[in-house]
PDB file of N, CA and C in Angstrom:
ATOM      1  N   MET A   1     -64.682 -35.291 -33.067  1.00  0.00           N
ATOM      2  CA  MET A   1     -65.833 -34.464 -32.360  1.00  0.00           C
ATOM      3  C   MET A   1     -67.068 -34.879 -33.169  1.00  0.00           C
ATOM      4  N   LYS A   2     -67.083 -34.652 -34.510  1.00  0.00           N
ATOM      5  CA  LYS A   2     -68.203 -34.495 -35.427  1.00  0.00           C
ATOM      6  C   LYS A   2     -68.825 -36.037 -35.403  1.00  0.00           C
ATOM      7  N   TYR A   3     -67.876 -37.108 -35.275  1.00  0.00           N
ATOM      8  CA  TYR A   3     -68.350 -38.478 -35.238  1.00  0.00           C
ATOM      9  C   TYR A   3     -69.263 -38.682 -33.993  1.00  0.00           C
ATOM     10  N   THR A   4     -68.724 -38.213 -32.790  1.00  0.00           N
ATOM     11  CA  THR A   4     -69.456 -38.496 -31.363  1.00  0.00           C
ATOM     12  C   THR A   4     -70.740 -37.609 -31.484  1.00  0.00           C
ATOM     13  N   LEU A   5     -70.696 -36.484 -32.326  1.00  0.00           N
ATOM     14  CA  LEU A   5     -71.941 -35.651 -32.352  1.00  0.00           C
ATOM     15  C   LEU A   5     -72.944 -36.630 -32.882  1.00  0.00           C
ATOM     16  N   ILE A   6     -72.696 -37.059 -34.336  1.00  0.00           N
ATOM     17  CA  ILE A   6     -73.643 -37.919 -35.232  1.00  0.00           C
ATOM     18  C   ILE A   6     -74.050 -39.154 -34.283  1.00  0.00           C
ATOM     19  N   PHE A   7     -73.124 -39.683 -33.565  1.00  0.00           N
ATOM     20  CA  PHE A   7     -73.227 -41.073 -32.664  1.00  0.00           C
ATOM     21  C   PHE A   7     -74.375 -40.825 -31.720  1.00  0.00           C
ATOM     22  N   SER A   8     -74.153 -39.675 -30.904  1.00  0.00           N
ATOM     23  CA  SER A   8     -74.986 -39.405 -29.917  1.00  0.00           C
ATOM     24  C   SER A   8     -76.568 -39.033 -30.337  1.00  0.00           C
ATOM     25  N   HIS A   9     -76.337 -38.183 -31.210  1.00  0.00           N
ATOM     26  CA  HIS A   9     -77.500 -37.825 -32.509  1.00  0.00           C
ATOM     27  C   HIS A   9     -78.493 -39.088 -32.485  1.00  0.00           C
ATOM     28  N   PHE A  10     -77.704 -40.100 -33.162  1.00  0.00           N
ATOM     29  CA  PHE A  10     -78.272 -41.285 -33.673  1.00  0.00           C
ATOM     30  C   PHE A  10     -78.813 -42.247 -32.444  1.00  0.00           C
ATOM     31  N   PHE A  11     -78.168 -42.142 -31.371  1.00  0.00           N
ATOM     32  CA  PHE A  11     -78.559 -42.913 -30.205  1.00  0.00           C
ATOM     33  C   PHE A  11     -79.362 -42.367 -29.588  1.00  0.00           C
ATOM     34  N   GLN A  12     -79.818 -40.930 -29.622  1.00  0.00           N
ATOM     35  CA  GLN A  12     -81.149 -40.315 -29.186  1.00  0.00           C
ATOM     36  C   GLN A  12     -82.452 -40.801 -29.910  1.00  0.00           C
ATOM     37  N   LEU A  13     -82.009 -40.481 -31.150  1.00  0.00           N
ATOM     38  CA  LEU A  13     -83.184 -41.001 -32.381  1.00  0.00           C
ATOM     39  C   LEU A  13     -83.764 -42.534 -31.968  1.00  0.00           C
ATOM     40  N   PHE A  14     -82.532 -43.566 -31.818  1.00  0.00           N
ATOM     41  CA  PHE A  14     -82.746 -44.887 -31.577  1.00  0.00           C
ATOM     42  C   PHE A  14     -83.516 -45.152 -30.286  1.00  0.00           C
ATOM     43  N   SER A  15     -83.224 -44.377 -29.082  1.00  0.00           N
ATOM     44  CA  SER A  15     -83.585 -44.713 -28.097  1.00  0.00           C
ATOM     45  C   SER A  15     -85.177 -44.414 -27.992  1.00  0.00           C
ATOM     46  N   PHE A  16     -85.286 -43.241 -28.695  1.00  0.00           N
ATOM     47  CA  PHE A  16     -86.681 -42.548 -28.741  1.00  0.00           C
ATOM     48  C   PHE A  16     -87.613 -43.408 -29.321  1.00  0.00           C
ATOM     49  N   ALA A  17     -87.226 -43.917 -30.543  1.00  0.00           N
ATOM     50  CA  ALA A  17     -87.730 -44.982 -31.717  1.00  0.00           C
ATOM     51  C   ALA A  17     -88.104 -46.122 -30.666  1.00  0.00           C
ATOM     52  N   PHE A  18     -87.060 -46.592 -30.230  1.00  0.00           N
ATOM     53  CA  PHE A  18     -87.240 -48.129 -29.379  1.00  0.00           C
ATOM     54  C   PHE A  18     -88.384 -47.823 -28.085  1.00  0.00           C
ATOM     55  N   THR A  19     -88.327 -46.501 -27.578  1.00  0.00           N
ATOM     56  CA  THR A  19     -89.127 -46.484 -26.563  1.00  0.00           C
ATOM     57  C   THR A  19     -90.502 -46.334 -27.014  1.00  0.00           C
ATOM     58  N   HIS A  20     -90.734 -45.316 -28.108  1.00  0.00           N
ATOM     59  CA  HIS A  20     -92.174 -45.477 -28.594  1.00  0.00           C
ATOM     60  C   HIS A  20     -92.718 -46.576 -29.182  1.00  0.00           C
ATOM     61  N   PHE A  21     -91.798 -47.483 -29.824  1.00  0.00           N
ATOM     62  CA  PHE A  21     -92.353 -48.571 -30.140  1.00  0.00           C
ATOM     63  C   PHE A  21     -92.732 -49.787 -29.439  1.00  0.00           C
ATOM     64  N   GLY A  22     -92.040 -49.646 -28.291  1.00  0.00           N
ATOM     65  CA  GLY A  22     -92.361 -50.267 -26.940  1.00  0.00           C
ATOM     66  C   GLY A  22     -93.750 -49.971 -26.291  1.00  0.00           C
ATOM     67  N   LEU A  23     -93.990 -48.666 -26.210  1.00  0.00           N
ATOM     68  CA  LEU A  23     -95.075 -48.104 -25.752  1.00  0.00           C
ATOM     69  C   LEU A  23     -96.475 -48.687 -26.654  1.00  0.00           C
ATOM     70  N   VAL A  24     -96.132 -48.586 -27.961  1.00  0.00           N
ATOM     71  CA  VAL A  24     -97.131 -48.813 -28.958  1.00  0.00           C
ATOM     72  C   VAL A  24     -97.425 -50.507 -28.782  1.00  0.00           C
ATOM     73  N   LEU A  25     -96.417 -51.323 -28.685  1.00  0.00           N
ATOM     74  CA  LEU A  25     -96.650 -52.550 -28.664  1.00  0.00           C
ATOM     75  C   LEU A  25     -97.083 -52.884 -27.309  1.00  0.00           C
ATOM     76  N   CYS A  26     -96.889 -52.309 -26.266  1.00  0.00           N
ATOM     77  CA  CYS A  26     -97.539 -52.745 -25.058  1.00  0.00           C
ATOM     78  C   CYS A  26     -98.968 -52.445 -25.064  1.00  0.00           C
ATOM     79  N   SER A  27     -99.216 -51.017 -25.411  1.00  0.00           N
ATOM     80  CA  SER A  27    -100.696 -50.691 -25.546  1.00  0.00           C
ATOM     81  C   SER A  27    -101.657 -51.463 -26.364  1.00  0.00           C
ATOM     82  N   SER A  28    -100.832 -51.884 -27.810  1.00  0.00           N
ATOM     83  CA  SER A  28    -101.667 -52.665 -28.768  1.00  0.00           C
ATOM     84  C   SER A  28    -102.022 -53.957 -27.936  1.00  0.00           C
ATOM     85  N   SER A  29    -101.098 -54.541 -27.404  1.00  0.00           N
ATOM     86  CA  SER A  29    -101.177 -55.885 -26.805  1.00  0.00           C
ATOM     87  C   SER A  29    -102.315 -55.630 -25.673  1.00  0.00           C
ATOM     88  N   LEU A  30    -102.233 -54.560 -24.938  1.00  0.00           N
ATOM     89  CA  LEU A  30    -103.350 -54.506 -23.935  1.00  0.00           C
ATOM     90  C   LEU A  30    -104.702 -54.348 -24.606  1.00  0.00           C
ATOM     91  N   LEU A  31    -104.881 -53.640 -25.417  1.00  0.00           N
ATOM     92  CA  LEU A  31    -106.195 -53.231 -26.269  1.00  0.00           C
ATOM     93  C   LEU A  31    -106.568 -54.765 -26.748  1.00  0.00           C
ATOM     94  N   HIS A  32    -105.770 -55.353 -27.441  1.00  0.00           N
ATOM     95  CA  HIS A  32    -106.058 -56.879 -27.897  1.00  0.00           C
ATOM     96  C   HIS A  32    -106.556 -57.761 -26.788  1.00  0.00           C
ATOM     97  N   ARG A  33    -106.043 -57.728 -25.634  1.00  0.00           N
ATOM     98  CA  ARG A  33    -106.448 -58.424 -24.617  1.00  0.00           C
ATOM     99  C   ARG A  33    -107.719 -57.988 -24.147  1.00  0.00           C
ATOM    100  N   TRP A  34    -107.905 -56.735 -23.835  1.00  0.00           N
ATOM    101  CA  TRP A  34    -109.180 -56.379 -23.420  1.00  0.00           C
ATOM    102  C   TRP A  34    -110.218 -56.509 -24.614  1.00  0.00           C
ATOM    103  N   GLY A  35    -110.051 -56.346 -25.602  1.00  0.00           N
ATOM    104  CA  GLY A  35    -111.055 -56.863 -26.779  1.00  0.00           C
ATOM    105  C   GLY A  35    -111.342 -58.115 -26.770  1.00  0.00           C
ATOM    106  N   LEU A  36    -110.476 -59.168 -26.758  1.00  0.00           N
ATOM    107  CA  LEU A  36    -110.632 -60.596 -26.345  1.00  0.00           C
ATOM    108  C   LEU A  36    -111.520 -60.767 -25.153  1.00  0.00           C
ATOM    109  N   GLU A  37    -111.425 -60.164 -24.091  1.00  0.00           N
ATOM    110  CA  GLU A  37    -112.086 -60.333 -22.667  1.00  0.00           C
ATOM    111  C   GLU A  37    -113.553 -59.750 -23.058  1.00  0.00           C
ATOM    112  N   GLY A  38    -113.420 -58.577 -23.980  1.00  0.00           N
ATOM    113  CA  GLY A  38    -114.782 -57.896 -23.943  1.00  0.00           C
ATOM    114  C   GLY A  38    -115.671 -59.098 -25.132  1.00  0.00           C
ATOM    115  N   THR A  39    -115.079 -59.659 -25.920  1.00  0.00           N
ATOM    116  CA  THR A  39    -115.925 -60.533 -26.986  1.00  0.00           C
ATOM    117  C   THR A  39    -116.271 -61.719 -26.133  1.00  0.00           C
ATOM    118  N   ILE A  40    -115.612 -62.007 -25.148  1.00  0.00           N
ATOM    119  CA  ILE A  40    -115.942 -63.499 -24.535  1.00  0.00           C
ATOM    120  C   ILE A  40    -117.072 -62.845 -23.568  1.00  0.00           C
ATOM    121  N   SER A  41    -116.900 -61.842 -22.856  1.00  0.00           N
ATOM    122  CA  SER A  41    -117.976 -61.678 -21.855  1.00  0.00           C
ATOM    123  C   SER A  41    -119.133 -61.319 -22.415  1.00  0.00           C
ATOM    124  N   TRP A  42    -119.059 -60.779 -23.753  1.00  0.00           N
ATOM    125  CA  TRP A  42    -120.354 -60.464 -24.476  1.00  0.00           C
ATOM    126  C   TRP A  42    -120.982 -61.917 -25.134  1.00  0.00           C
TER     127      TRP A  42
END
């Protein structure tokens, strides 16, 4: 029972970190793309 609790907690933490990292990566890539387009248009 204790191991399953630890595993579920670790899985929750990992999924949260993975989604957070994915969002940050996606937003940073979008900002980088917008920045490049802005510099090209200017």
